[in-house]
Amino acid sequence: METMETVLDKAGRVELPRDVREELGLKPGAVFRVKASARGITLRLVSGRTRLVKKGSVWVIRGALACKPEELIDSHLRDREERDRQVLGMGI
């Protein structure tokens, strides 16, 4: 991605160029962490990214689901049944 310029408006807002928003898949309401230093300003996307965190000995995904929990469970069960049929030689 090339370097682009943008302008601070009277209300203190900075608009991210369309190319940047599209490439990163940013939508209205995206949340950023802002860090200011002597070298400049850094924006880090907070929402919209899935993060793995370790809880005990298990890695857990933190973030928004792309579907309803019921749909995720149904999909998992269908995948498991298909795998079982293949392993047991029952075809699909």
C-alpha atoms as a PDB file:
ATOM      1  CA  MET A   1       0.000   0.000   0.000  1.00  0.00           C
ATOM      2  CA  GLU A   2       1.377   3.374  -0.951  1.00  0.00           C
ATOM      3  CA  THR A   3       1.628   6.383   1.384  1.00  0.00           C
ATOM      4  CA  MET A   4      -1.399   8.687   1.189  1.00  0.00           C
ATOM      5  CA  GLU A   5      -2.241  12.062   2.685  1.00  0.00           C
ATOM      6  CA  THR A   6      -5.410  13.133   4.440  1.00  0.00           C
ATOM      7  CA  VAL A   7      -6.516  16.311   6.239  1.00  0.00           C
ATOM      8  CA  LEU A   8      -7.660  16.999   9.803  1.00  0.00           C
ATOM      9  CA  ASP A   9     -11.014  18.820   9.690  1.00  0.00           C
ATOM     10  CA  LYS A  10     -12.318  21.503  12.101  1.00  0.00           C
ATOM     11  CA  ALA A  11     -13.977  18.841  14.271  1.00  0.00           C
ATOM     12  CA  GLY A  12     -10.673  16.960  14.649  1.00  0.00           C
ATOM     13  CA  ARG A  13     -11.646  14.119  12.321  1.00  0.00           C
ATOM     14  CA  VAL A  14      -9.346  12.397   9.854  1.00  0.00           C
ATOM     15  CA  GLU A  15     -10.915  10.526   6.952  1.00  0.00           C
ATOM     16  CA  LEU A  16      -9.174   7.337   5.916  1.00  0.00           C
ATOM     17  CA  PRO A  17      -8.837   7.140   2.129  1.00  0.00           C
ATOM     18  CA  ARG A  18     -11.295   4.782   0.407  1.00  0.00           C
ATOM     19  CA  ASP A  19      -8.476   2.535  -0.888  1.00  0.00           C
ATOM     20  CA  VAL A  20      -7.288   1.993   2.700  1.00  0.00           C
ATOM     21  CA  ARG A  21     -10.801   1.270   4.007  1.00  0.00           C
ATOM     22  CA  GLU A  22     -11.504  -1.184   1.198  1.00  0.00           C
ATOM     23  CA  GLU A  23      -8.168  -3.006   1.462  1.00  0.00           C
ATOM     24  CA  LEU A  24      -8.599  -3.472   5.223  1.00  0.00           C
ATOM     25  CA  GLY A  25     -12.341  -4.187   5.021  1.00  0.00           C
ATOM     26  CA  LEU A  26     -13.158  -1.301   7.382  1.00  0.00           C
ATOM     27  CA  LYS A  27     -16.807  -0.500   7.989  1.00  0.00           C
ATOM     28  CA  PRO A  28     -18.464   2.391   9.881  1.00  0.00           C
ATOM     29  CA  GLY A  29     -18.165   1.781  13.593  1.00  0.00           C
ATOM     30  CA  ALA A  30     -14.714   0.167  13.426  1.00  0.00           C
ATOM     31  CA  VAL A  31     -12.876   0.881  16.686  1.00  0.00           C
ATOM     32  CA  PHE A  32      -9.253   1.994  16.815  1.00  0.00           C
ATOM     33  CA  ARG A  33      -6.712   2.410  19.590  1.00  0.00           C
ATOM     34  CA  VAL A  34      -4.866   5.745  19.183  1.00  0.00           C
ATOM     35  CA  LYS A  35      -1.299   6.215  20.381  1.00  0.00           C
ATOM     36  CA  ALA A  36       0.509   9.554  20.131  1.00  0.00           C
ATOM     37  CA  SER A  37       4.268   9.895  20.368  1.00  0.00           C
ATOM     38  CA  ALA A  38       6.931  12.403  19.400  1.00  0.00           C
ATOM     39  CA  ARG A  39       7.230  10.585  16.053  1.00  0.00           C
ATOM     40  CA  GLY A  40       3.533  10.786  15.164  1.00  0.00           C
ATOM     41  CA  ILE A  41       0.196   9.037  15.644  1.00  0.00           C
ATOM     42  CA  THR A  42      -0.492   5.314  15.390  1.00  0.00           C
ATOM     43  CA  LEU A  43      -3.959   3.821  14.833  1.00  0.00           C
ATOM     44  CA  ARG A  44      -4.489   0.155  15.655  1.00  0.00           C
ATOM     45  CA  LEU A  45      -7.714  -1.618  14.750  1.00  0.00           C
ATOM     46  CA  VAL A  46      -9.425  -2.992  17.869  1.00  0.00           C
ATOM     47  CA  SER A  47     -12.719  -4.387  16.518  1.00  0.00           C
ATOM     48  CA  GLY A  48     -13.187  -6.536  13.482  1.00  0.00           C
ATOM     49  CA  ARG A  49     -10.169  -8.702  14.169  1.00  0.00           C
ATOM     50  CA  THR A  50     -10.365 -12.112  15.754  1.00  0.00           C
ATOM     51  CA  ARG A  51      -7.838 -12.719  18.475  1.00  0.00           C
ATOM     52  CA  LEU A  52      -6.626 -15.955  20.025  1.00  0.00           C
ATOM     53  CA  VAL A  53      -6.182 -15.958  23.787  1.00  0.00           C
ATOM     54  CA  LYS A  54      -5.039 -18.814  25.966  1.00  0.00           C
ATOM     55  CA  LYS A  55      -7.407 -19.878  28.750  1.00  0.00           C
ATOM     56  CA  GLY A  56      -5.675 -22.550  30.775  1.00  0.00           C
ATOM     57  CA  SER A  57      -4.340 -25.039  28.236  1.00  0.00           C
ATOM     58  CA  VAL A  58      -6.876 -24.150  25.527  1.00  0.00           C
ATOM     59  CA  TRP A  59      -6.677 -21.465  22.824  1.00  0.00           C
ATOM     60  CA  VAL A  60      -9.957 -19.538  22.540  1.00  0.00           C
ATOM     61  CA  ILE A  61     -11.033 -17.181  19.748  1.00  0.00           C
ATOM     62  CA  ARG A  62     -12.181 -13.774  20.989  1.00  0.00           C
ATOM     63  CA  GLY A  63     -14.136 -11.667  18.564  1.00  0.00           C
ATOM     64  CA  ALA A  64     -17.398 -11.521  16.698  1.00  0.00           C
ATOM     65  CA  LEU A  65     -18.814 -14.668  15.130  1.00  0.00           C
ATOM     66  CA  ALA A  66     -19.547 -14.581  11.420  1.00  0.00           C
ATOM     67  CA  CYS A  67     -22.767 -16.506  12.032  1.00  0.00           C
ATOM     68  CA  LYS A  68     -25.211 -17.405  14.787  1.00  0.00           C
ATOM     69  CA  PRO A  69     -23.900 -19.907  17.386  1.00  0.00           C
ATOM     70  CA  GLU A  70     -26.621 -22.409  16.364  1.00  0.00           C
ATOM     71  CA  GLU A  71     -25.437 -22.300  12.740  1.00  0.00           C
ATOM     72  CA  LEU A  72     -21.861 -22.910  13.841  1.00  0.00           C
ATOM     73  CA  ILE A  73     -22.894 -25.941  15.929  1.00  0.00           C
ATOM     74  CA  ASP A  74     -25.048 -27.354  13.095  1.00  0.00           C
ATOM     75  CA  SER A  75     -22.179 -26.954  10.622  1.00  0.00           C
ATOM     76  CA  HIS A  76     -19.773 -28.663  13.016  1.00  0.00           C
ATOM     77  CA  LEU A  77     -22.162 -31.599  13.523  1.00  0.00           C
ATOM     78  CA  ARG A  78     -22.689 -32.010   9.750  1.00  0.00           C
ATOM     79  CA  ASP A  79     -18.911 -31.999   9.194  1.00  0.00           C
ATOM     80  CA  ARG A  80     -18.437 -34.579  11.956  1.00  0.00           C
ATOM     81  CA  GLU A  81     -21.151 -36.873  10.521  1.00  0.00           C
ATOM     82  CA  GLU A  82     -19.617 -36.656   7.041  1.00  0.00           C
ATOM     83  CA  ARG A  83     -16.145 -37.452   8.406  1.00  0.00           C
ATOM     84  CA  ASP A  84     -17.532 -40.415  10.388  1.00  0.00           C
ATOM     85  CA  ARG A  85     -19.229 -41.827   7.261  1.00  0.00           C
ATOM     86  CA  GLN A  86     -15.980 -41.524   5.315  1.00  0.00           C
ATOM     87  CA  VAL A  87     -13.914 -43.159   8.054  1.00  0.00           C
ATOM     88  CA  LEU A  88     -16.417 -46.006   8.436  1.00  0.00           C
ATOM     89  CA  GLY A  89     -16.502 -46.541   4.650  1.00  0.00           C
ATOM     90  CA  MET A  90     -20.164 -45.658   4.365  1.00  0.00           C
ATOM     91  CA  GLY A  91     -19.673 -43.119   1.570  1.00  0.00           C
ATOM     92  CA  ILE A  92     -21.363 -39.781   1.544  1.00  0.00           C
END
